[in-house]
Amino acid sequence: MVRLITHNLLACHVKGCTTNNFPLQFRDVQIELREAEFNPEFLKGFLSKLEWKALVDASRQLGDTTLPPDIPEMLDDDFLKNLHHVLLEIHVEEGIMSCPNCKHDYPILNGIPNMLLAEHEIG
């Protein structure tokens, strides 16, 4: 399933597409909200692994505006709960992730992204 915690790690790998290939842009999506157990320690530990601007932009593409443009110095419960919601509770069930550089489309069906490339697209 495509959650933003996963999306934040995905880039385009089409042959020759080596710049401006992250983050993939969402298009024509259907999302589902699913509750997940809140674990503030996990979130604090994972925060340094995130590409923050990409996460904020992706969450806004999906209609969520709760994350601030910059990571706050004080990681209070409200911030961590918003981060938890964006990373773990928003599920993209259907739609397309598109490379901002080469415009290659990666379809999402039943929550599963198809990241496979045709033989001529492999670098």
C-alpha atoms as a PDB file:
ATOM      1  CA  MET A   1       0.000   0.000   0.000  1.00  0.00           C
ATOM      2  CA  VAL A   2       1.192   3.484  -0.749  1.00  0.00           C
ATOM      3  CA  ARG A   3       1.575   5.578   2.344  1.00  0.00           C
ATOM      4  CA  LEU A   4       3.608   8.757   2.484  1.00  0.00           C
ATOM      5  CA  ILE A   5       6.230   7.029   4.627  1.00  0.00           C
ATOM      6  CA  THR A   6       6.901   4.810   1.583  1.00  0.00           C
ATOM      7  CA  HIS A   7       6.378   7.491  -1.053  1.00  0.00           C
ATOM      8  CA  ASN A   8       9.101   9.577   0.619  1.00  0.00           C
ATOM      9  CA  LEU A   9      11.643   6.930  -0.441  1.00  0.00           C
ATOM     10  CA  LEU A  10      10.557   6.441  -4.069  1.00  0.00           C
ATOM     11  CA  ALA A  11      12.249   7.986  -7.092  1.00  0.00           C
ATOM     12  CA  CYS A  12      12.057   7.388 -10.825  1.00  0.00           C
ATOM     13  CA  HIS A  13      14.604   4.929 -12.207  1.00  0.00           C
ATOM     14  CA  VAL A  14      13.907   5.182 -15.923  1.00  0.00           C
ATOM     15  CA  LYS A  15      17.072   4.962 -18.032  1.00  0.00           C
ATOM     16  CA  GLY A  16      18.654   8.414 -18.266  1.00  0.00           C
ATOM     17  CA  CYS A  17      16.320   9.972 -15.702  1.00  0.00           C
ATOM     18  CA  THR A  18      18.859  10.960 -13.073  1.00  0.00           C
ATOM     19  CA  THR A  19      17.944  14.523 -12.120  1.00  0.00           C
ATOM     20  CA  ASN A  20      14.723  15.991 -10.772  1.00  0.00           C
ATOM     21  CA  ASN A  21      13.321  12.430 -10.450  1.00  0.00           C
ATOM     22  CA  PHE A  22      12.165  12.861  -6.820  1.00  0.00           C
ATOM     23  CA  PRO A  23       9.605  13.167  -5.404  1.00  0.00           C
ATOM     24  CA  LEU A  24       7.091  11.468  -7.620  1.00  0.00           C
ATOM     25  CA  GLN A  25       3.974  13.578  -8.102  1.00  0.00           C
ATOM     26  CA  PHE A  26       0.505  12.218  -7.271  1.00  0.00           C
ATOM     27  CA  ARG A  27      -2.302  12.475  -9.799  1.00  0.00           C
ATOM     28  CA  ASP A  28      -5.917  11.256  -9.961  1.00  0.00           C
ATOM     29  CA  VAL A  29      -5.723   9.600  -6.537  1.00  0.00           C
ATOM     30  CA  GLN A  30      -8.267   7.942  -4.328  1.00  0.00           C
ATOM     31  CA  ILE A  31      -7.248   7.864  -0.690  1.00  0.00           C
ATOM     32  CA  GLU A  32      -8.470   5.936   2.297  1.00  0.00           C
ATOM     33  CA  LEU A  33      -7.852   6.852   5.925  1.00  0.00           C
ATOM     34  CA  ARG A  34      -6.945   3.959   8.221  1.00  0.00           C
ATOM     35  CA  GLU A  35      -6.180   4.305  11.891  1.00  0.00           C
ATOM     36  CA  ALA A  36      -2.735   3.237  13.019  1.00  0.00           C
ATOM     37  CA  GLU A  37      -1.238   2.935  16.487  1.00  0.00           C
ATOM     38  CA  PHE A  38       0.427   6.169  17.588  1.00  0.00           C
ATOM     39  CA  ASN A  39       4.098   5.681  18.507  1.00  0.00           C
ATOM     40  CA  PRO A  40       5.827   9.019  19.206  1.00  0.00           C
ATOM     41  CA  GLU A  41       9.250   7.434  19.736  1.00  0.00           C
ATOM     42  CA  PHE A  42       9.139   5.808  16.301  1.00  0.00           C
ATOM     43  CA  LEU A  43       8.216   9.147  14.727  1.00  0.00           C
ATOM     44  CA  LYS A  44      11.027  11.003  16.502  1.00  0.00           C
ATOM     45  CA  GLY A  45      13.529   8.374  15.370  1.00  0.00           C
ATOM     46  CA  PHE A  46      12.281   8.352  11.775  1.00  0.00           C
ATOM     47  CA  LEU A  47      12.079  12.126  11.379  1.00  0.00           C
ATOM     48  CA  SER A  48      15.738  12.523  10.382  1.00  0.00           C
ATOM     49  CA  LYS A  49      15.276  10.005   7.538  1.00  0.00           C
ATOM     50  CA  LEU A  50      12.530  12.033   5.848  1.00  0.00           C
ATOM     51  CA  GLU A  51      12.902  14.441   2.961  1.00  0.00           C
ATOM     52  CA  TRP A  52      10.748  17.052   4.703  1.00  0.00           C
ATOM     53  CA  LYS A  53       9.836  19.335   1.793  1.00  0.00           C
ATOM     54  CA  ALA A  54       8.879  16.324  -0.335  1.00  0.00           C
ATOM     55  CA  LEU A  55       6.660  15.017   2.482  1.00  0.00           C
ATOM     56  CA  VAL A  56       4.924  18.356   2.975  1.00  0.00           C
ATOM     57  CA  ASP A  57       4.363  18.768  -0.776  1.00  0.00           C
ATOM     58  CA  ALA A  58       3.006  15.218  -1.148  1.00  0.00           C
ATOM     59  CA  SER A  59       0.654  15.603   1.811  1.00  0.00           C
ATOM     60  CA  ARG A  60      -0.707  18.800   0.276  1.00  0.00           C
ATOM     61  CA  GLN A  61      -1.218  17.037  -3.068  1.00  0.00           C
ATOM     62  CA  LEU A  62      -3.414  14.608  -1.133  1.00  0.00           C
ATOM     63  CA  GLY A  63      -5.394  17.383   0.554  1.00  0.00           C
ATOM     64  CA  ASP A  64      -3.713  17.449   3.988  1.00  0.00           C
ATOM     65  CA  THR A  65      -2.318  20.805   5.127  1.00  0.00           C
ATOM     66  CA  THR A  66      -1.489  19.984   8.750  1.00  0.00           C
ATOM     67  CA  LEU A  67       2.308  19.780   8.421  1.00  0.00           C
ATOM     68  CA  PRO A  68       4.308  23.009   8.774  1.00  0.00           C
ATOM     69  CA  PRO A  69       6.718  24.044   5.988  1.00  0.00           C
ATOM     70  CA  ASP A  70       9.694  23.411   8.304  1.00  0.00           C
ATOM     71  CA  ILE A  71      10.286  20.882  11.073  1.00  0.00           C
ATOM     72  CA  PRO A  72       9.626  22.673  14.364  1.00  0.00           C
ATOM     73  CA  GLU A  73      12.305  22.788  17.037  1.00  0.00           C
ATOM     74  CA  MET A  74       9.771  21.644  19.652  1.00  0.00           C
ATOM     75  CA  LEU A  75       8.281  18.250  18.761  1.00  0.00           C
ATOM     76  CA  ASP A  76       5.038  18.536  20.713  1.00  0.00           C
ATOM     77  CA  ASP A  77       2.165  16.026  20.683  1.00  0.00           C
ATOM     78  CA  ASP A  78       0.122  18.018  18.145  1.00  0.00           C
ATOM     79  CA  PHE A  79       2.977  18.015  15.646  1.00  0.00           C
ATOM     80  CA  LEU A  80       3.722  14.318  16.220  1.00  0.00           C
ATOM     81  CA  LYS A  81       0.051  13.368  15.824  1.00  0.00           C
ATOM     82  CA  ASN A  82      -0.155  15.309  12.554  1.00  0.00           C
ATOM     83  CA  LEU A  83       3.047  13.654  11.346  1.00  0.00           C
ATOM     84  CA  HIS A  84       1.695  10.231  12.365  1.00  0.00           C
ATOM     85  CA  HIS A  85      -1.516  10.864  10.441  1.00  0.00           C
ATOM     86  CA  VAL A  86       0.306  11.971   7.279  1.00  0.00           C
ATOM     87  CA  LEU A  87       2.916   9.186   7.315  1.00  0.00           C
ATOM     88  CA  LEU A  88       0.865   6.220   8.457  1.00  0.00           C
ATOM     89  CA  GLU A  89      -2.884   6.811   8.171  1.00  0.00           C
ATOM     90  CA  ILE A  90      -3.288   8.244   4.658  1.00  0.00           C
ATOM     91  CA  HIS A  91      -3.331   5.375   2.156  1.00  0.00           C
ATOM     92  CA  VAL A  92      -3.361   5.953  -1.594  1.00  0.00           C
ATOM     93  CA  GLU A  93      -5.545   3.199  -3.005  1.00  0.00           C
ATOM     94  CA  GLU A  94      -5.719   4.200  -6.674  1.00  0.00           C
ATOM     95  CA  GLY A  95      -4.005   6.764  -8.852  1.00  0.00           C
ATOM     96  CA  ILE A  96      -0.734   7.622 -10.497  1.00  0.00           C
ATOM     97  CA  MET A  97       2.707   8.689  -9.329  1.00  0.00           C
ATOM     98  CA  SER A  98       4.462  10.625 -12.076  1.00  0.00           C
ATOM     99  CA  CYS A  99       8.124  11.580 -12.482  1.00  0.00           C
ATOM    100  CA  PRO A 100       8.550  15.368 -12.561  1.00  0.00           C
ATOM    101  CA  ASN A 101      11.476  14.972 -15.001  1.00  0.00           C
ATOM    102  CA  CYS A 102      10.676  12.325 -17.622  1.00  0.00           C
ATOM    103  CA  LYS A 103       6.899  12.206 -16.937  1.00  0.00           C
ATOM    104  CA  HIS A 104       6.919   8.397 -16.608  1.00  0.00           C
ATOM    105  CA  ASP A 105       3.737   7.231 -14.842  1.00  0.00           C
ATOM    106  CA  TYR A 106       3.704   4.615 -12.100  1.00  0.00           C
ATOM    107  CA  PRO A 107       0.122   3.374 -11.606  1.00  0.00           C
ATOM    108  CA  ILE A 108      -1.281   2.531  -8.175  1.00  0.00           C
ATOM    109  CA  LEU A 109      -3.950  -0.194  -8.141  1.00  0.00           C
ATOM    110  CA  ASN A 110      -5.527  -1.628  -5.001  1.00  0.00           C
ATOM    111  CA  GLY A 111      -2.968   0.281  -2.934  1.00  0.00           C
ATOM    112  CA  ILE A 112       0.026  -1.271  -4.705  1.00  0.00           C
ATOM    113  CA  PRO A 113       2.360   0.848  -6.830  1.00  0.00           C
ATOM    114  CA  ASN A 114       3.665  -0.721 -10.021  1.00  0.00           C
ATOM    115  CA  MET A 115       7.312   0.397 -10.130  1.00  0.00           C
ATOM    116  CA  LEU A 116       8.322  -2.121 -12.813  1.00  0.00           C
ATOM    117  CA  LEU A 117       9.855  -0.724 -15.966  1.00  0.00           C
ATOM    118  CA  ALA A 118       9.737  -2.011 -19.527  1.00  0.00           C
ATOM    119  CA  GLU A 119      13.016  -3.482 -20.750  1.00  0.00           C
ATOM    120  CA  HIS A 120      13.818  -0.421 -22.905  1.00  0.00           C
ATOM    121  CA  GLU A 121      13.389   1.847 -19.850  1.00  0.00           C
ATOM    122  CA  ILE A 122      15.930   0.046 -17.674  1.00  0.00           C
ATOM    123  CA  GLY A 123      19.260   1.837 -17.225  1.00  0.00           C
END
